[in-house]
Amino acid sequence: MTNKEKKLLTVVGTVVVLVSVVILVLLPYVKKWQAYDKVIDQRAARILMLKRQIANKPALEKEIQRMGEMINSSKLFFPVADKAAAESQLLSTVKKMIENAGGQINSVNIVNQQRGSASNSAAVKINFTIDNNGLVEILQNLAGSKPLLNVTTAGLLPLMQRQARKQEDTGKVRLDMVIEGFFSAGGQS
């Protein structure tokens, strides 16, 4: 081997080592830097979006307050802040409806709902006796009631009167109803 060949071999070997170092060492670092740059850009965009949301916070709070006032003024909810007070008002409202329609209340129970603690609803199960005209009046009152009341279940049984081997319709029915009402968490009306 001549001196030129040795020099050429040394230069080629050095180039191969340098290319290997670039591929094996520097290239992974460059890719990692690019990945970091991408993450930094994503986080910068997220920060910019959060800053815009913070700048809109007063307008959003006003809109939330306006919607809350609109809900409270709609009178669709009982204006109380807790479930016990809502149950009491619901019971009073339903009792008044039934008595005004000529019904007789047999039993009343508060219903414990399985929806979870975050639910703003109260329900009562009420058993009462009433004639057909009174039932129509109650259903009409429930349909147009404010606060909003929902009949979640209803069972109807006609009352029969036995007299000397005959059964006669009394014109009355016995109902089991579960009636649900909602209350506003703010308790303002």
Protein backbone atom coordinates (compact mmCIF):
# COMPACT_ATOMS: atom_id res chain seq x y z
CA MET A 1 0.00 0.00 0.00
CA THR A 2 1.31 3.34 -0.93
CA ASN A 3 1.18 6.54 1.03
CA LYS A 4 -1.62 7.86 -1.16
CA GLU A 5 -3.67 4.77 -0.54
CA LYS A 6 -3.04 5.01 3.21
CA LYS A 7 -4.11 8.65 3.22
CA LEU A 8 -7.18 7.82 1.13
CA LEU A 9 -8.05 4.94 3.45
CA THR A 10 -7.62 7.21 6.48
CA VAL A 11 -9.84 9.90 4.94
CA VAL A 12 -12.51 7.34 3.96
CA GLY A 13 -12.37 5.78 7.47
CA THR A 14 -12.67 9.19 9.08
CA VAL A 15 -15.67 10.05 6.88
CA VAL A 16 -17.32 6.71 7.72
CA VAL A 17 -16.75 7.31 11.46
CA LEU A 18 -18.11 10.87 11.19
CA VAL A 19 -21.19 9.71 9.25
CA SER A 20 -21.73 6.93 11.83
CA VAL A 21 -21.45 9.43 14.69
CA VAL A 22 -23.92 11.75 12.94
CA ILE A 23 -26.39 8.93 12.28
CA LEU A 24 -26.06 7.17 15.63
CA VAL A 25 -25.58 10.13 17.98
CA LEU A 26 -26.58 13.46 16.48
CA LEU A 27 -29.63 12.37 14.48
CA PRO A 28 -31.54 11.07 17.56
CA TYR A 29 -30.81 14.35 19.37
CA VAL A 30 -32.06 16.35 16.40
CA LYS A 31 -35.27 14.27 16.28
CA LYS A 32 -35.74 14.74 20.03
CA TRP A 33 -35.26 18.51 19.66
CA GLN A 34 -37.86 18.54 16.89
CA ALA A 35 -40.29 16.62 19.11
CA TYR A 36 -39.65 19.11 21.93
CA ASP A 37 -40.26 21.98 19.52
CA LYS A 38 -43.56 20.40 18.50
CA VAL A 39 -44.63 19.99 22.15
CA ILE A 40 -43.58 23.57 22.91
CA ASP A 41 -45.64 24.84 19.95
CA GLN A 42 -48.68 22.83 21.12
CA ARG A 43 -48.38 24.16 24.65
CA ALA A 44 -47.89 27.71 23.42
CA ALA A 45 -51.10 27.36 21.37
CA ARG A 46 -52.90 26.00 24.45
CA ILE A 47 -51.65 28.92 26.56
CA LEU A 48 -52.86 31.35 23.91
CA MET A 49 -56.28 29.68 23.87
CA LEU A 50 -56.48 29.82 27.69
CA LYS A 51 -55.53 33.49 27.66
CA ARG A 52 -58.39 34.15 25.21
CA GLN A 53 -60.78 32.27 27.47
CA ILE A 54 -59.60 34.25 30.49
CA ALA A 55 -60.13 37.46 28.55
CA ASN A 56 -63.72 36.32 27.82
CA LYS A 57 -64.38 35.36 31.45
CA PRO A 58 -66.37 38.51 32.39
CA ALA A 59 -68.62 38.12 29.34
CA LEU A 60 -69.14 34.42 30.09
CA GLU A 61 -69.92 35.15 33.75
CA LYS A 62 -72.49 37.76 32.69
CA GLU A 63 -74.08 35.24 30.31
CA ILE A 64 -74.21 32.57 33.04
CA GLN A 65 -75.75 35.07 35.46
CA ARG A 66 -78.31 36.15 32.84
CA MET A 67 -79.26 32.53 32.15
CA GLY A 68 -79.57 31.83 35.89
CA GLU A 69 -81.86 34.83 36.31
CA MET A 70 -83.90 33.70 33.33
CA ILE A 71 -84.29 30.20 34.81
CA ASN A 72 -85.26 31.59 38.22
CA SER A 73 -87.77 34.04 36.73
CA SER A 74 -89.37 31.24 34.68
CA LYS A 75 -90.76 29.77 37.91
CA LEU A 76 -90.25 26.26 36.53
CA PHE A 77 -88.38 25.23 39.69
CA PHE A 78 -89.15 25.40 43.37
CA PRO A 79 -87.29 28.46 44.70
CA VAL A 80 -85.39 26.60 47.43
CA ALA A 81 -81.80 25.53 47.85
CA ASP A 82 -82.14 22.07 49.39
CA LYS A 83 -83.98 18.83 48.77
CA ALA A 84 -85.93 18.77 52.06
CA ALA A 85 -87.49 22.19 51.41
CA ALA A 86 -88.29 21.17 47.82
CA GLU A 87 -89.97 17.98 49.06
CA SER A 88 -92.03 20.01 51.52
CA GLN A 89 -93.17 22.48 48.83
CA LEU A 90 -93.86 19.66 46.37
CA LEU A 91 -95.97 17.84 48.94
CA SER A 92 -97.89 21.01 49.79
CA THR A 93 -98.53 21.81 46.11
CA VAL A 94 -99.73 18.30 45.25
CA LYS A 95 -101.87 18.04 48.38
CA LYS A 96 -103.57 21.34 47.54
CA MET A 97 -104.22 20.19 43.93
CA ILE A 98 -105.82 16.94 45.08
CA GLU A 99 -107.96 18.53 47.78
CA ASN A 100 -109.13 21.32 45.45
CA ALA A 101 -110.23 18.68 42.93
CA GLY A 102 -112.28 16.88 45.60
CA GLY A 103 -109.86 14.01 46.23
CA GLN A 104 -109.10 12.23 49.48
CA ILE A 105 -105.47 11.46 50.29
CA ASN A 106 -104.85 7.98 51.69
CA SER A 107 -101.04 8.00 52.07
CA VAL A 108 -97.99 10.06 51.23
CA ASN A 109 -94.32 9.02 51.07
CA ILE A 110 -91.14 10.84 50.11
CA VAL A 111 -89.36 8.96 47.32
CA ASN A 112 -85.60 8.46 47.60
CA GLN A 113 -84.31 8.61 44.05
CA GLN A 114 -81.40 6.57 42.71
CA ARG A 115 -80.08 9.31 40.41
CA GLY A 116 -77.24 10.39 42.68
CA SER A 117 -76.61 13.27 45.01
CA ALA A 118 -76.14 15.83 42.24
CA SER A 119 -79.81 15.67 41.20
CA ASN A 120 -81.88 18.77 41.91
CA SER A 121 -85.17 16.90 42.03
CA ALA A 122 -87.59 15.83 44.72
CA ALA A 123 -90.37 13.27 44.42
CA VAL A 124 -93.38 12.14 46.44
CA LYS A 125 -95.52 9.03 46.13
CA ILE A 126 -99.11 9.79 46.90
CA ASN A 127 -102.11 7.45 47.10
CA PHE A 128 -105.52 9.09 46.82
CA THR A 129 -109.13 8.48 45.89
CA ILE A 130 -110.98 10.76 43.48
CA ASP A 131 -113.82 10.78 40.94
CA ASN A 132 -113.20 10.95 37.20
CA ASN A 133 -113.89 14.68 36.88
CA GLY A 134 -111.46 15.41 39.71
CA LEU A 135 -108.83 13.22 38.05
CA VAL A 136 -109.16 15.20 34.83
CA GLU A 137 -108.79 18.44 36.80
CA ILE A 138 -105.65 17.16 38.57
CA LEU A 139 -104.05 16.04 35.32
CA GLN A 140 -104.80 19.41 33.72
CA ASN A 141 -103.33 21.21 36.72
CA LEU A 142 -100.21 19.03 36.62
CA ALA A 143 -99.77 19.65 32.88
CA GLY A 144 -99.82 23.42 33.30
CA SER A 145 -98.21 23.74 36.69
CA LYS A 146 -95.44 26.10 37.62
CA PRO A 147 -93.16 24.95 39.12
CA LEU A 148 -92.94 22.14 36.61
CA LEU A 149 -94.24 18.81 37.94
CA ASN A 150 -93.79 15.44 36.25
CA VAL A 151 -95.81 12.30 36.90
CA THR A 152 -93.14 9.61 36.72
CA THR A 153 -95.41 6.65 37.54
CA ALA A 154 -99.13 6.24 37.98
CA GLY A 155 -101.31 3.27 38.89
CA LEU A 156 -105.10 3.43 38.57
CA LEU A 157 -107.64 1.11 40.21
CA PRO A 158 -111.40 1.62 39.86
CA LEU A 159 -113.26 1.40 43.16
CA MET A 160 -116.13 -1.06 43.17
CA GLN A 161 -118.85 -1.33 45.78
CA ARG A 162 -120.23 -4.74 46.68
CA GLN A 163 -123.89 -5.00 47.50
CA ALA A 164 -125.73 -8.32 47.85
CA ARG A 165 -123.82 -10.26 45.20
CA LYS A 166 -123.54 -7.31 42.83
CA GLN A 167 -120.62 -5.02 42.15
CA GLU A 168 -121.31 -1.44 41.25
CA ASP A 169 -118.92 1.16 39.99
CA THR A 170 -118.64 3.97 42.53
CA GLY A 171 -117.45 6.45 39.94
CA LYS A 172 -114.23 6.88 41.87
CA VAL A 173 -110.72 5.63 41.28
CA ARG A 174 -107.77 5.01 43.55
CA LEU A 175 -104.46 6.29 42.24
CA ASP A 176 -100.85 5.72 43.19
CA MET A 177 -98.72 8.48 41.65
CA VAL A 178 -95.09 9.43 41.91
CA ILE A 179 -94.82 13.14 41.19
CA GLU A 180 -91.44 14.79 40.69
CA GLY A 181 -90.52 18.46 40.94
CA PHE A 182 -87.23 20.28 40.53
CA PHE A 183 -85.56 22.94 42.63
CA SER A 184 -83.02 25.57 41.69
CA ALA A 185 -79.69 25.15 43.45
CA GLY A 186 -79.46 28.90 43.94
CA GLY A 187 -82.74 29.00 45.78
CA GLN A 188 -83.65 32.43 44.35
CA SER A 189 -86.88 33.31 42.67
